[in-house]
Amino acid sequence: MLNHQILPQLGGCRLQDISPMQIQMLMTGLFGKSNSLQSKVLIHLRSIFTVAMENGLAAKSPVSCMLKAGGKRAEEKTAPTPEESNLLLERVKDIRARIFLLIAHHQGKADNHQR
């Protein structure tokens, strides 16, 4: 998050020199990205500036409390069918990968049972 979304835009700036317009431009650059990604970027930015203010590195946060994440909602994923799960388990030979798949498969069954 920090390395891919925030630092390329703001990494060359001192914290106290970052303006609300720069934050807005960063968020505008995320247009079309998922709501989840935009929310995480805002959480990181707010955290960075909260710590900066607590440590006297910035007098005020340039991240407006009115700034909200937009973006598209992620598509809901469907679980594999029992046949697909069995086929995957049959074809995976690596023991670590098989253990991971068995745990995930078991957890999926438990989650579906609770619904």
PDB file of N, CA and C in Angstrom:
ATOM      1  N   MET A   1       0.834  -1.182   0.000  1.00  0.00           N
ATOM      2  CA  MET A   1       0.000   0.000   0.000  1.00  0.00           C
ATOM      3  C   MET A   1       0.882   1.250   0.000  1.00  0.00           C
ATOM      4  N   LEU A   2       1.722   1.321   0.979  1.00  0.00           N
ATOM      5  CA  LEU A   2       2.591   2.490   1.116  1.00  0.00           C
ATOM      6  C   LEU A   2       3.501   2.623  -0.101  1.00  0.00           C
ATOM      7  N   ASN A   3       4.149   1.524  -0.478  1.00  0.00           N
ATOM      8  CA  ASN A   3       5.111   1.566  -1.582  1.00  0.00           C
ATOM      9  C   ASN A   3       4.464   1.731  -2.954  1.00  0.00           C
ATOM     10  N   HIS A   4       3.254   1.239  -3.116  1.00  0.00           N
ATOM     11  CA  HIS A   4       2.631   1.266  -4.440  1.00  0.00           C
ATOM     12  C   HIS A   4       1.673   2.431  -4.657  1.00  0.00           C
ATOM     13  N   GLN A   5       1.028   2.894  -3.621  1.00  0.00           N
ATOM     14  CA  GLN A   5       0.010   3.928  -3.798  1.00  0.00           C
ATOM     15  C   GLN A   5       0.421   5.292  -3.240  1.00  0.00           C
ATOM     16  N   ILE A   6       1.045   5.308  -2.080  1.00  0.00           N
ATOM     17  CA  ILE A   6       1.288   6.578  -1.386  1.00  0.00           C
ATOM     18  C   ILE A   6       2.662   7.167  -1.696  1.00  0.00           C
ATOM     19  N   LEU A   7       3.722   6.392  -1.508  1.00  0.00           N
ATOM     20  CA  LEU A   7       5.068   6.933  -1.696  1.00  0.00           C
ATOM     21  C   LEU A   7       5.366   7.412  -3.115  1.00  0.00           C
ATOM     22  N   PRO A   8       4.872   6.743  -4.164  1.00  0.00           N
ATOM     23  CA  PRO A   8       5.147   7.283  -5.498  1.00  0.00           C
ATOM     24  C   PRO A   8       4.606   8.703  -5.689  1.00  0.00           C
ATOM     25  N   GLN A   9       3.527   9.024  -4.997  1.00  0.00           N
ATOM     26  CA  GLN A   9       2.924  10.354  -5.127  1.00  0.00           C
ATOM     27  C   GLN A   9       3.496  11.370  -4.144  1.00  0.00           C
ATOM     28  N   LEU A  10       3.752  10.914  -2.906  1.00  0.00           N
ATOM     29  CA  LEU A  10       4.095  11.860  -1.841  1.00  0.00           C
ATOM     30  C   LEU A  10       5.470  11.643  -1.226  1.00  0.00           C
ATOM     31  N   GLY A  11       6.169  10.607  -1.658  1.00  0.00           N
ATOM     32  CA  GLY A  11       7.429  10.233  -1.025  1.00  0.00           C
ATOM     33  C   GLY A  11       8.503  11.293  -1.049  1.00  0.00           C
ATOM     34  N   GLY A  12       8.482  12.176  -2.023  1.00  0.00           N
ATOM     35  CA  GLY A  12       9.499  13.222  -2.118  1.00  0.00           C
ATOM     36  C   GLY A  12       9.160  14.477  -1.325  1.00  0.00           C
ATOM     37  N   CYS A  13       8.035  14.483  -0.645  1.00  0.00           N
ATOM     38  CA  CYS A  13       7.581  15.674   0.080  1.00  0.00           C
ATOM     39  C   CYS A  13       7.808  15.524   1.591  1.00  0.00           C
ATOM     40  N   ARG A  14       8.087  16.643   2.232  1.00  0.00           N
ATOM     41  CA  ARG A  14       8.115  16.631   3.693  1.00  0.00           C
ATOM     42  C   ARG A  14       6.670  16.614   4.176  1.00  0.00           C
ATOM     43  N   LEU A  15       6.428  15.943   5.304  1.00  0.00           N
ATOM     44  CA  LEU A  15       5.054  15.799   5.801  1.00  0.00           C
ATOM     45  C   LEU A  15       4.352  17.144   5.947  1.00  0.00           C
ATOM     46  N   GLN A  16       5.042  18.129   6.509  1.00  0.00           N
ATOM     47  CA  GLN A  16       4.395  19.423   6.734  1.00  0.00           C
ATOM     48  C   GLN A  16       4.123  20.184   5.437  1.00  0.00           C
ATOM     49  N   ASP A  17       4.721  19.729   4.331  1.00  0.00           N
ATOM     50  CA  ASP A  17       4.517  20.412   3.051  1.00  0.00           C
ATOM     51  C   ASP A  17       3.408  19.783   2.201  1.00  0.00           C
ATOM     52  N   ILE A  18       2.873  18.664   2.635  1.00  0.00           N
ATOM     53  CA  ILE A  18       1.823  17.996   1.858  1.00  0.00           C
ATOM     54  C   ILE A  18       0.501  18.733   2.053  1.00  0.00           C
ATOM     55  N   SER A  19      -0.134  19.055   0.945  1.00  0.00           N
ATOM     56  CA  SER A  19      -1.371  19.848   0.992  1.00  0.00           C
ATOM     57  C   SER A  19      -2.595  18.963   0.791  1.00  0.00           C
ATOM     58  N   PRO A  20      -3.760  19.489   1.198  1.00  0.00           N
ATOM     59  CA  PRO A  20      -5.000  18.762   0.925  1.00  0.00           C
ATOM     60  C   PRO A  20      -5.204  18.493  -0.567  1.00  0.00           C
ATOM     61  N   MET A  21      -4.725  19.396  -1.418  1.00  0.00           N
ATOM     62  CA  MET A  21      -4.861  19.205  -2.867  1.00  0.00           C
ATOM     63  C   MET A  21      -4.039  17.999  -3.325  1.00  0.00           C
ATOM     64  N   GLN A  22      -2.870  17.793  -2.750  1.00  0.00           N
ATOM     65  CA  GLN A  22      -2.060  16.627  -3.112  1.00  0.00           C
ATOM     66  C   GLN A  22      -2.751  15.329  -2.687  1.00  0.00           C
ATOM     67  N   ILE A  23      -3.380  15.352  -1.518  1.00  0.00           N
ATOM     68  CA  ILE A  23      -4.115  14.178  -1.049  1.00  0.00           C
ATOM     69  C   ILE A  23      -5.289  13.905  -1.981  1.00  0.00           C
ATOM     70  N   GLN A  24      -5.986  14.960  -2.359  1.00  0.00           N
ATOM     71  CA  GLN A  24      -7.122  14.818  -3.275  1.00  0.00           C
ATOM     72  C   GLN A  24      -6.666  14.269  -4.622  1.00  0.00           C
ATOM     73  N   MET A  25      -5.526  14.742  -5.114  1.00  0.00           N
ATOM     74  CA  MET A  25      -5.004  14.250  -6.391  1.00  0.00           C
ATOM     75  C   MET A  25      -4.607  12.781  -6.283  1.00  0.00           C
ATOM     76  N   LEU A  26      -4.028  12.392  -5.156  1.00  0.00           N
ATOM     77  CA  LEU A  26      -3.670  10.991  -4.944  1.00  0.00           C
ATOM     78  C   LEU A  26      -4.926  10.126  -5.001  1.00  0.00           C
ATOM     79  N   MET A  27      -5.963  10.553  -4.304  1.00  0.00           N
ATOM     80  CA  MET A  27      -7.211   9.784  -4.286  1.00  0.00           C
ATOM     81  C   MET A  27      -7.887   9.779  -5.654  1.00  0.00           C
ATOM     82  N   THR A  28      -7.819  10.886  -6.372  1.00  0.00           N
ATOM     83  CA  THR A  28      -8.389  10.945  -7.717  1.00  0.00           C
ATOM     84  C   THR A  28      -7.668   9.968  -8.635  1.00  0.00           C
ATOM     85  N   GLY A  29      -6.369   9.803  -8.413  1.00  0.00           N
ATOM     86  CA  GLY A  29      -5.591   8.847  -9.196  1.00  0.00           C
ATOM     87  C   GLY A  29      -6.010   7.400  -8.965  1.00  0.00           C
ATOM     88  N   LEU A  30      -6.746   7.154  -7.894  1.00  0.00           N
ATOM     89  CA  LEU A  30      -7.229   5.811  -7.589  1.00  0.00           C
ATOM     90  C   LEU A  30      -8.633   5.564  -8.140  1.00  0.00           C
ATOM     91  N   PHE A  31      -9.136   6.530  -8.917  1.00  0.00           N
ATOM     92  CA  PHE A  31     -10.455   6.376  -9.515  1.00  0.00           C
ATOM     93  C   PHE A  31     -10.484   5.091 -10.328  1.00  0.00           C
ATOM     94  N   GLY A  32     -11.535   4.320 -10.163  1.00  0.00           N
ATOM     95  CA  GLY A  32     -11.668   3.067 -10.884  1.00  0.00           C
ATOM     96  C   GLY A  32     -11.094   1.883 -10.132  1.00  0.00           C
ATOM     97  N   LYS A  33     -10.337   2.157  -9.082  1.00  0.00           N
ATOM     98  CA  LYS A  33      -9.817   1.078  -8.238  1.00  0.00           C
ATOM     99  C   LYS A  33     -10.919   0.684  -7.256  1.00  0.00           C
ATOM    100  N   SER A  34     -10.701  -0.395  -6.561  1.00  0.00           N
ATOM    101  CA  SER A  34     -11.740  -0.907  -5.668  1.00  0.00           C
ATOM    102  C   SER A  34     -11.961   0.006  -4.463  1.00  0.00           C
ATOM    103  N   ASN A  35     -13.151  -0.078  -3.929  1.00  0.00           N
ATOM    104  CA  ASN A  35     -13.490   0.635  -2.711  1.00  0.00           C
ATOM    105  C   ASN A  35     -12.566   0.218  -1.578  1.00  0.00           C
ATOM    106  N   SER A  36     -12.240  -1.059  -1.537  1.00  0.00           N
ATOM    107  CA  SER A  36     -11.371  -1.589  -0.493  1.00  0.00           C
ATOM    108  C   SER A  36      -9.989  -0.946  -0.557  1.00  0.00           C
ATOM    109  N   LEU A  37      -9.409  -0.855  -1.738  1.00  0.00           N
ATOM    110  CA  LEU A  37      -8.089  -0.244  -1.894  1.00  0.00           C
ATOM    111  C   LEU A  37      -8.129   1.219  -1.485  1.00  0.00           C
ATOM    112  N   GLN A  38      -9.138   1.947  -1.945  1.00  0.00           N
ATOM    113  CA  GLN A  38      -9.246   3.361  -1.607  1.00  0.00           C
ATOM    114  C   GLN A  38      -9.409   3.557  -0.098  1.00  0.00           C
ATOM    115  N   SER A  39     -10.188   2.697   0.539  1.00  0.00           N
ATOM    116  CA  SER A  39     -10.367   2.781   1.990  1.00  0.00           C
ATOM    117  C   SER A  39      -9.058   2.550   2.719  1.00  0.00           C
ATOM    118  N   LYS A  40      -8.296   1.566   2.263  1.00  0.00           N
ATOM    119  CA  LYS A  40      -7.014   1.265   2.907  1.00  0.00           C
ATOM    120  C   LYS A  40      -6.029   2.410   2.746  1.00  0.00           C
ATOM    121  N   VAL A  41      -6.013   3.035   1.583  1.00  0.00           N
ATOM    122  CA  VAL A  41      -5.130   4.185   1.370  1.00  0.00           C
ATOM    123  C   VAL A  41      -5.510   5.307   2.335  1.00  0.00           C
ATOM    124  N   LEU A  42      -6.802   5.590   2.457  1.00  0.00           N
ATOM    125  CA  LEU A  42      -7.240   6.642   3.382  1.00  0.00           C
ATOM    126  C   LEU A  42      -6.882   6.307   4.833  1.00  0.00           C
ATOM    127  N   ILE A  43      -7.041   5.064   5.219  1.00  0.00           N
ATOM    128  CA  ILE A  43      -6.691   4.655   6.585  1.00  0.00           C
ATOM    129  C   ILE A  43      -5.198   4.884   6.820  1.00  0.00           C
ATOM    130  N   HIS A  44      -4.377   4.492   5.849  1.00  0.00           N
ATOM    131  CA  HIS A  44      -2.926   4.689   5.988  1.00  0.00           C
ATOM    132  C   HIS A  44      -2.582   6.171   6.068  1.00  0.00           C
ATOM    133  N   LEU A  45      -3.177   6.968   5.191  1.00  0.00           N
ATOM    134  CA  LEU A  45      -2.889   8.403   5.204  1.00  0.00           C
ATOM    135  C   LEU A  45      -3.295   9.040   6.529  1.00  0.00           C
ATOM    136  N   ARG A  46      -4.472   8.700   7.004  1.00  0.00           N
ATOM    137  CA  ARG A  46      -4.922   9.269   8.280  1.00  0.00           C
ATOM    138  C   ARG A  46      -4.008   8.843   9.421  1.00  0.00           C
ATOM    139  N   SER A  47      -3.579   7.600   9.412  1.00  0.00           N
ATOM    140  CA  SER A  47      -2.675   7.108  10.454  1.00  0.00           C
ATOM    141  C   SER A  47      -1.334   7.826  10.398  1.00  0.00           C
ATOM    142  N   ILE A  48      -0.804   7.981   9.199  1.00  0.00           N
ATOM    143  CA  ILE A  48       0.494   8.657   9.032  1.00  0.00           C
ATOM    144  C   ILE A  48       0.426  10.071   9.606  1.00  0.00           C
ATOM    145  N   PHE A  49      -0.629  10.797   9.269  1.00  0.00           N
ATOM    146  CA  PHE A  49      -0.701  12.184   9.715  1.00  0.00           C
ATOM    147  C   PHE A  49      -1.098  12.311  11.183  1.00  0.00           C
ATOM    148  N   THR A  50      -1.805  11.358  11.713  1.00  0.00           N
ATOM    149  CA  THR A  50      -2.086  11.361  13.154  1.00  0.00           C
ATOM    150  C   THR A  50      -0.780  11.219  13.929  1.00  0.00           C
ATOM    151  N   VAL A  51       0.049  10.275  13.526  1.00  0.00           N
ATOM    152  CA  VAL A  51       1.344  10.071  14.190  1.00  0.00           C
ATOM    153  C   VAL A  51       2.239  11.284  13.974  1.00  0.00           C
ATOM    154  N   ALA A  52       2.218  11.847  12.780  1.00  0.00           N
ATOM    155  CA  ALA A  52       3.032  13.029  12.491  1.00  0.00           C
ATOM    156  C   ALA A  52       2.633  14.205  13.389  1.00  0.00           C
ATOM    157  N   MET A  53       1.346  14.394  13.592  1.00  0.00           N
ATOM    158  CA  MET A  53       0.889  15.489  14.463  1.00  0.00           C
ATOM    159  C   MET A  53       1.254  15.222  15.918  1.00  0.00           C
ATOM    160  N   GLU A  54       1.113  13.968  16.348  1.00  0.00           N
ATOM    161  CA  GLU A  54       1.464  13.614  17.726  1.00  0.00           C
ATOM    162  C   GLU A  54       2.945  13.836  18.012  1.00  0.00           C
ATOM    163  N   ASN A  55       3.763  13.720  16.971  1.00  0.00           N
ATOM    164  CA  ASN A  55       5.202  13.872  17.143  1.00  0.00           C
ATOM    165  C   ASN A  55       5.729  15.223  16.673  1.00  0.00           C
ATOM    166  N   GLY A  56       4.839  16.161  16.422  1.00  0.00           N
ATOM    167  CA  GLY A  56       5.225  17.506  16.043  1.00  0.00           C
ATOM    168  C   GLY A  56       5.814  17.630  14.646  1.00  0.00           C
ATOM    169  N   LEU A  57       5.562  16.668  13.789  1.00  0.00           N
ATOM    170  CA  LEU A  57       6.097  16.712  12.427  1.00  0.00           C
ATOM    171  C   LEU A  57       5.145  17.388  11.445  1.00  0.00           C
ATOM    172  N   ALA A  58       3.910  17.560  11.853  1.00  0.00           N
ATOM    173  CA  ALA A  58       2.921  18.268  11.042  1.00  0.00           C
ATOM    174  C   ALA A  58       1.954  18.948  12.002  1.00  0.00           C
ATOM    175  N   ALA A  59       1.576  20.181  11.667  1.00  0.00           N
ATOM    176  CA  ALA A  59       0.665  20.927  12.539  1.00  0.00           C
ATOM    177  C   ALA A  59      -0.779  20.491  12.345  1.00  0.00           C
ATOM    178  N   LYS A  60      -1.112  20.100  11.122  1.00  0.00           N
ATOM    179  CA  LYS A  60      -2.492  19.741  10.790  1.00  0.00           C
ATOM    180  C   LYS A  60      -2.465  18.672   9.709  1.00  0.00           C
ATOM    181  N   SER A  61      -3.451  17.805   9.732  1.00  0.00           N
ATOM    182  CA  SER A  61      -3.542  16.764   8.709  1.00  0.00           C
ATOM    183  C   SER A  61      -4.160  17.331   7.439  1.00  0.00           C
ATOM    184  N   PRO A  62      -3.544  17.040   6.295  1.00  0.00           N
ATOM    185  CA  PRO A  62      -4.134  17.472   5.031  1.00  0.00           C
ATOM    186  C   PRO A  62      -5.229  16.515   4.541  1.00  0.00           C
ATOM    187  N   VAL A  63      -5.471  15.439   5.298  1.00  0.00           N
ATOM    188  CA  VAL A  63      -6.483  14.463   4.910  1.00  0.00           C
ATOM    189  C   VAL A  63      -7.819  14.896   5.505  1.00  0.00           C
ATOM    190  N   SER A  64      -8.687  15.385   4.677  1.00  0.00           N
ATOM    191  CA  SER A  64      -9.990  15.878   5.122  1.00  0.00           C
ATOM    192  C   SER A  64     -10.823  14.744   5.714  1.00  0.00           C
ATOM    193  N   CYS A  65     -11.517  15.060   6.797  1.00  0.00           N
ATOM    194  CA  CYS A  65     -12.427  14.061   7.374  1.00  0.00           C
ATOM    195  C   CYS A  65     -13.632  13.844   6.464  1.00  0.00           C
ATOM    196  N   MET A  66     -13.830  14.730   5.513  1.00  0.00           N
ATOM    197  CA  MET A  66     -14.930  14.611   4.555  1.00  0.00           C
ATOM    198  C   MET A  66     -14.567  13.704   3.377  1.00  0.00           C
ATOM    199  N   LEU A  67     -13.272  13.401   3.229  1.00  0.00           N
ATOM    200  CA  LEU A  67     -12.812  12.571   2.125  1.00  0.00           C
ATOM    201  C   LEU A  67     -13.229  11.136   2.362  1.00  0.00           C
ATOM    202  N   LYS A  68     -13.949  10.581   1.413  1.00  0.00           N
ATOM    203  CA  LYS A  68     -14.463   9.216   1.524  1.00  0.00           C
ATOM    204  C   LYS A  68     -13.956   8.377   0.360  1.00  0.00           C
ATOM    205  N   ALA A  69     -13.830   7.106   0.610  1.00  0.00           N
ATOM    206  CA  ALA A  69     -13.436   6.182  -0.447  1.00  0.00           C
ATOM    207  C   ALA A  69     -14.599   6.002  -1.407  1.00  0.00           C
ATOM    208  N   GLY A  70     -14.276   5.955  -2.660  1.00  0.00           N
ATOM    209  CA  GLY A  70     -15.283   5.653  -3.682  1.00  0.00           C
ATOM    210  C   GLY A  70     -14.960   4.282  -4.241  1.00  0.00           C
ATOM    211  N   GLY A  71     -14.943   4.199  -5.521  1.00  0.00           N
ATOM    212  CA  GLY A  71     -14.517   2.956  -6.155  1.00  0.00           C
ATOM    213  C   GLY A  71     -15.614   1.930  -6.251  1.00  0.00           C
ATOM    214  N   LYS A  72     -15.300   0.922  -7.013  1.00  0.00           N
ATOM    215  CA  LYS A  72     -16.282  -0.136  -7.257  1.00  0.00           C
ATOM    216  C   LYS A  72     -16.174  -1.210  -6.184  1.00  0.00           C
ATOM    217  N   ARG A  73     -17.285  -1.799  -5.891  1.00  0.00           N
ATOM    218  CA  ARG A  73     -17.298  -2.907  -4.944  1.00  0.00           C
ATOM    219  C   ARG A  73     -16.744  -4.140  -5.634  1.00  0.00           C
ATOM    220  N   ALA A  74     -16.003  -4.910  -4.881  1.00  0.00           N
ATOM    221  CA  ALA A  74     -15.442  -6.136  -5.432  1.00  0.00           C
ATOM    222  C   ALA A  74     -16.568  -7.121  -5.722  1.00  0.00           C
ATOM    223  N   GLU A  75     -16.387  -7.867  -6.794  1.00  0.00           N
ATOM    224  CA  GLU A  75     -17.380  -8.880  -7.124  1.00  0.00           C
ATOM    225  C   GLU A  75     -17.334  -9.989  -6.083  1.00  0.00           C
ATOM    226  N   GLU A  76     -18.504 -10.472  -5.738  1.00  0.00           N
ATOM    227  CA  GLU A  76     -18.566 -11.572  -4.780  1.00  0.00           C
ATOM    228  C   GLU A  76     -18.044 -12.834  -5.446  1.00  0.00           C
ATOM    229  N   LYS A  77     -17.203 -13.523  -4.728  1.00  0.00           N
ATOM    230  CA  LYS A  77     -16.604 -14.738  -5.266  1.00  0.00           C
ATOM    231  C   LYS A  77     -17.448 -15.941  -4.868  1.00  0.00           C
ATOM    232  N   THR A  78     -17.500 -16.908  -5.766  1.00  0.00           N
ATOM    233  CA  THR A  78     -18.236 -18.130  -5.468  1.00  0.00           C
ATOM    234  C   THR A  78     -17.256 -19.218  -5.059  1.00  0.00           C
ATOM    235  N   ALA A  79     -17.679 -20.026  -4.136  1.00  0.00           N
ATOM    236  CA  ALA A  79     -16.851 -21.132  -3.669  1.00  0.00           C
ATOM    237  C   ALA A  79     -16.825 -22.225  -4.725  1.00  0.00           C
ATOM    238  N   PRO A  80     -15.714 -22.956  -4.794  1.00  0.00           N
ATOM    239  CA  PRO A  80     -15.684 -24.064  -5.752  1.00  0.00           C
ATOM    240  C   PRO A  80     -16.700 -25.146  -5.370  1.00  0.00           C
ATOM    241  N   THR A  81     -17.174 -25.827  -6.373  1.00  0.00           N
ATOM    242  CA  THR A  81     -18.106 -26.926  -6.124  1.00  0.00           C
ATOM    243  C   THR A  81     -17.341 -28.072  -5.463  1.00  0.00           C
ATOM    244  N   PRO A  82     -18.047 -29.004  -4.825  1.00  0.00           N
ATOM    245  CA  PRO A  82     -17.353 -30.162  -4.246  1.00  0.00           C
ATOM    246  C   PRO A  82     -16.523 -30.918  -5.290  1.00  0.00           C
ATOM    247  N   GLU A  83     -17.026 -31.006  -6.514  1.00  0.00           N
ATOM    248  CA  GLU A  83     -16.287 -31.690  -7.574  1.00  0.00           C
ATOM    249  C   GLU A  83     -14.997 -30.951  -7.906  1.00  0.00           C
ATOM    250  N   GLU A  84     -15.075 -29.617  -7.987  1.00  0.00           N
ATOM    251  CA  GLU A  84     -13.876 -28.824  -8.266  1.00  0.00           C
ATOM    252  C   GLU A  84     -12.864 -28.948  -7.133  1.00  0.00           C
ATOM    253  N   SER A  85     -13.340 -28.940  -5.900  1.00  0.00           N
ATOM    254  CA  SER A  85     -12.455 -29.087  -4.745  1.00  0.00           C
ATOM    255  C   SER A  85     -11.762 -30.441  -4.761  1.00  0.00           C
ATOM    256  N   ASN A  86     -12.515 -31.499  -5.018  1.00  0.00           N
ATOM    257  CA  ASN A  86     -11.931 -32.841  -5.064  1.00  0.00           C
ATOM    258  C   ASN A  86     -10.909 -32.970  -6.189  1.00  0.00           C
ATOM    259  N   LEU A  87     -11.211 -32.398  -7.338  1.00  0.00           N
ATOM    260  CA  LEU A  87     -10.280 -32.447  -8.462  1.00  0.00           C
ATOM    261  C   LEU A  87      -8.977 -31.727  -8.107  1.00  0.00           C
ATOM    262  N   LEU A  88      -9.087 -30.580  -7.487  1.00  0.00           N
ATOM    263  CA  LEU A  88      -7.902 -29.836  -7.071  1.00  0.00           C
ATOM    264  C   LEU A  88      -7.077 -30.643  -6.074  1.00  0.00           C
ATOM    265  N   LEU A  89      -7.752 -31.232  -5.089  1.00  0.00           N
ATOM    266  CA  LEU A  89      -7.041 -32.040  -4.091  1.00  0.00           C
ATOM    267  C   LEU A  89      -6.348 -33.247  -4.724  1.00  0.00           C
ATOM    268  N   GLU A  90      -6.960 -33.838  -5.729  1.00  0.00           N
ATOM    269  CA  GLU A  90      -6.359 -34.986  -6.417  1.00  0.00           C
ATOM    270  C   GLU A  90      -5.095 -34.597  -7.172  1.00  0.00           C
ATOM    271  N   ARG A  91      -5.102 -33.393  -7.743  1.00  0.00           N
ATOM    272  CA  ARG A  91      -3.988 -32.991  -8.624  1.00  0.00           C
ATOM    273  C   ARG A  91      -2.815 -32.362  -7.878  1.00  0.00           C
ATOM    274  N   VAL A  92      -3.034 -31.845  -6.698  1.00  0.00           N
ATOM    275  CA  VAL A  92      -1.945 -31.218  -5.948  1.00  0.00           C
ATOM    276  C   VAL A  92      -1.173 -32.299  -5.206  1.00  0.00           C
ATOM    277  N   LYS A  93       0.115 -32.376  -5.467  1.00  0.00           N
ATOM    278  CA  LYS A  93       0.947 -33.421  -4.875  1.00  0.00           C
ATOM    279  C   LYS A  93       1.827 -32.916  -3.737  1.00  0.00           C
ATOM    280  N   ASP A  94       2.187 -31.621  -3.745  1.00  0.00           N
ATOM    281  CA  ASP A  94       3.033 -31.055  -2.693  1.00  0.00           C
ATOM    282  C   ASP A  94       2.310 -31.127  -1.355  1.00  0.00           C
ATOM    283  N   ILE A  95       2.964 -31.698  -0.345  1.00  0.00           N
ATOM    284  CA  ILE A  95       2.309 -31.943   0.950  1.00  0.00           C
ATOM    285  C   ILE A  95       1.876 -30.645   1.631  1.00  0.00           C
ATOM    286  N   ARG A  96       2.701 -29.622   1.570  1.00  0.00           N
ATOM    287  CA  ARG A  96       2.329 -28.340   2.206  1.00  0.00           C
ATOM    288  C   ARG A  96       1.117 -27.713   1.521  1.00  0.00           C
ATOM    289  N   ALA A  97       1.120 -27.759   0.209  1.00  0.00           N
ATOM    290  CA  ALA A  97      -0.012 -27.213  -0.542  1.00  0.00           C
ATOM    291  C   ALA A  97      -1.280 -28.014  -0.256  1.00  0.00           C
ATOM    292  N   ARG A  98      -1.150 -29.344  -0.166  1.00  0.00           N
ATOM    293  CA  ARG A  98      -2.318 -30.190   0.139  1.00  0.00           C
ATOM    294  C   ARG A  98      -2.879 -29.860   1.519  1.00  0.00           C
ATOM    295  N   ILE A  99      -1.990 -29.696   2.497  1.00  0.00           N
ATOM    296  CA  ILE A  99      -2.447 -29.352   3.858  1.00  0.00           C
ATOM    297  C   ILE A  99      -3.192 -28.026   3.842  1.00  0.00           C
ATOM    298  N   PHE A 100      -2.637 -27.047   3.143  1.00  0.00           N
ATOM    299  CA  PHE A 100      -3.294 -25.748   3.040  1.00  0.00           C
ATOM    300  C   PHE A 100      -4.679 -25.902   2.408  1.00  0.00           C
ATOM    301  N   LEU A 101      -4.768 -26.656   1.314  1.00  0.00           N
ATOM    302  CA  LEU A 101      -6.052 -26.849   0.635  1.00  0.00           C
ATOM    303  C   LEU A 101      -7.060 -27.573   1.523  1.00  0.00           C
ATOM    304  N   LEU A 102      -6.589 -28.572   2.258  1.00  0.00           N
ATOM    305  CA  LEU A 102      -7.490 -29.302   3.150  1.00  0.00           C
ATOM    306  C   LEU A 102      -8.030 -28.396   4.254  1.00  0.00           C
ATOM    307  N   ILE A 103      -7.167 -27.557   4.810  1.00  0.00           N
ATOM    308  CA  ILE A 103      -7.612 -26.615   5.852  1.00  0.00           C
ATOM    309  C   ILE A 103      -8.626 -25.630   5.262  1.00  0.00           C
ATOM    310  N   ALA A 104      -8.300 -25.071   4.091  1.00  0.00           N
ATOM    311  CA  ALA A 104      -9.213 -24.116   3.449  1.00  0.00           C
ATOM    312  C   ALA A 104     -10.543 -24.777   3.104  1.00  0.00           C
ATOM    313  N   HIS A 105     -10.467 -26.003   2.606  1.00  0.00           N
ATOM    314  CA  HIS A 105     -11.680 -26.748   2.247  1.00  0.00           C
ATOM    315  C   HIS A 105     -12.543 -26.989   3.488  1.00  0.00           C
ATOM    316  N   HIS A 106     -11.908 -27.409   4.573  1.00  0.00           N
ATOM    317  CA  HIS A 106     -12.628 -27.656   5.821  1.00  0.00           C
ATOM    318  C   HIS A 106     -13.237 -26.362   6.367  1.00  0.00           C
ATOM    319  N   GLN A 107     -12.479 -25.269   6.310  1.00  0.00           N
ATOM    320  CA  GLN A 107     -12.981 -23.984   6.804  1.00  0.00           C
ATOM    321  C   GLN A 107     -14.172 -23.518   5.969  1.00  0.00           C
ATOM    322  N   GLY A 108     -14.097 -23.731   4.669  1.00  0.00           N
ATOM    323  CA  GLY A 108     -15.213 -23.359   3.792  1.00  0.00           C
ATOM    324  C   GLY A 108     -16.475 -24.115   4.131  1.00  0.00           C
ATOM    325  N   LYS A 109     -16.335 -25.395   4.419  1.00  0.00           N
ATOM    326  CA  LYS A 109     -17.501 -26.192   4.822  1.00  0.00           C
ATOM    327  C   LYS A 109     -18.066 -25.677   6.133  1.00  0.00           C
ATOM    328  N   ALA A 110     -17.200 -25.339   7.081  1.00  0.00           N
ATOM    329  CA  ALA A 110     -17.655 -24.848   8.389  1.00  0.00           C
ATOM    330  C   ALA A 110     -18.373 -23.506   8.234  1.00  0.00           C
ATOM    331  N   ASP A 111     -17.821 -22.625   7.373  1.00  0.00           N
ATOM    332  CA  ASP A 111     -18.456 -21.336   7.140  1.00  0.00           C
ATOM    333  C   ASP A 111     -19.825 -21.488   6.492  1.00  0.00           C
ATOM    334  N   ASN A 112     -19.940 -22.398   5.529  1.00  0.00           N
ATOM    335  CA  ASN A 112     -21.220 -22.623   4.857  1.00  0.00           C
ATOM    336  C   ASN A 112     -22.244 -23.243   5.804  1.00  0.00           C
ATOM    337  N   HIS A 113     -21.769 -24.071   6.709  1.00  0.00           N
ATOM    338  CA  HIS A 113     -22.667 -24.716   7.662  1.00  0.00           C
ATOM    339  C   HIS A 113     -23.266 -23.694   8.636  1.00  0.00           C
ATOM    340  N   GLN A 114     -22.515 -22.669   8.988  1.00  0.00           N
ATOM    341  CA  GLN A 114     -22.983 -21.664   9.937  1.00  0.00           C
ATOM    342  C   GLN A 114     -24.015 -20.744   9.323  1.00  0.00           C
ATOM    343  N   ARG A 115     -24.052 -20.635   8.019  1.00  0.00           N
ATOM    344  CA  ARG A 115     -25.004 -19.706   7.362  1.00  0.00           C
ATOM    345  C   ARG A 115     -26.370 -20.235   7.331  1.00  0.00           C
TER     346      ARG A 115
END
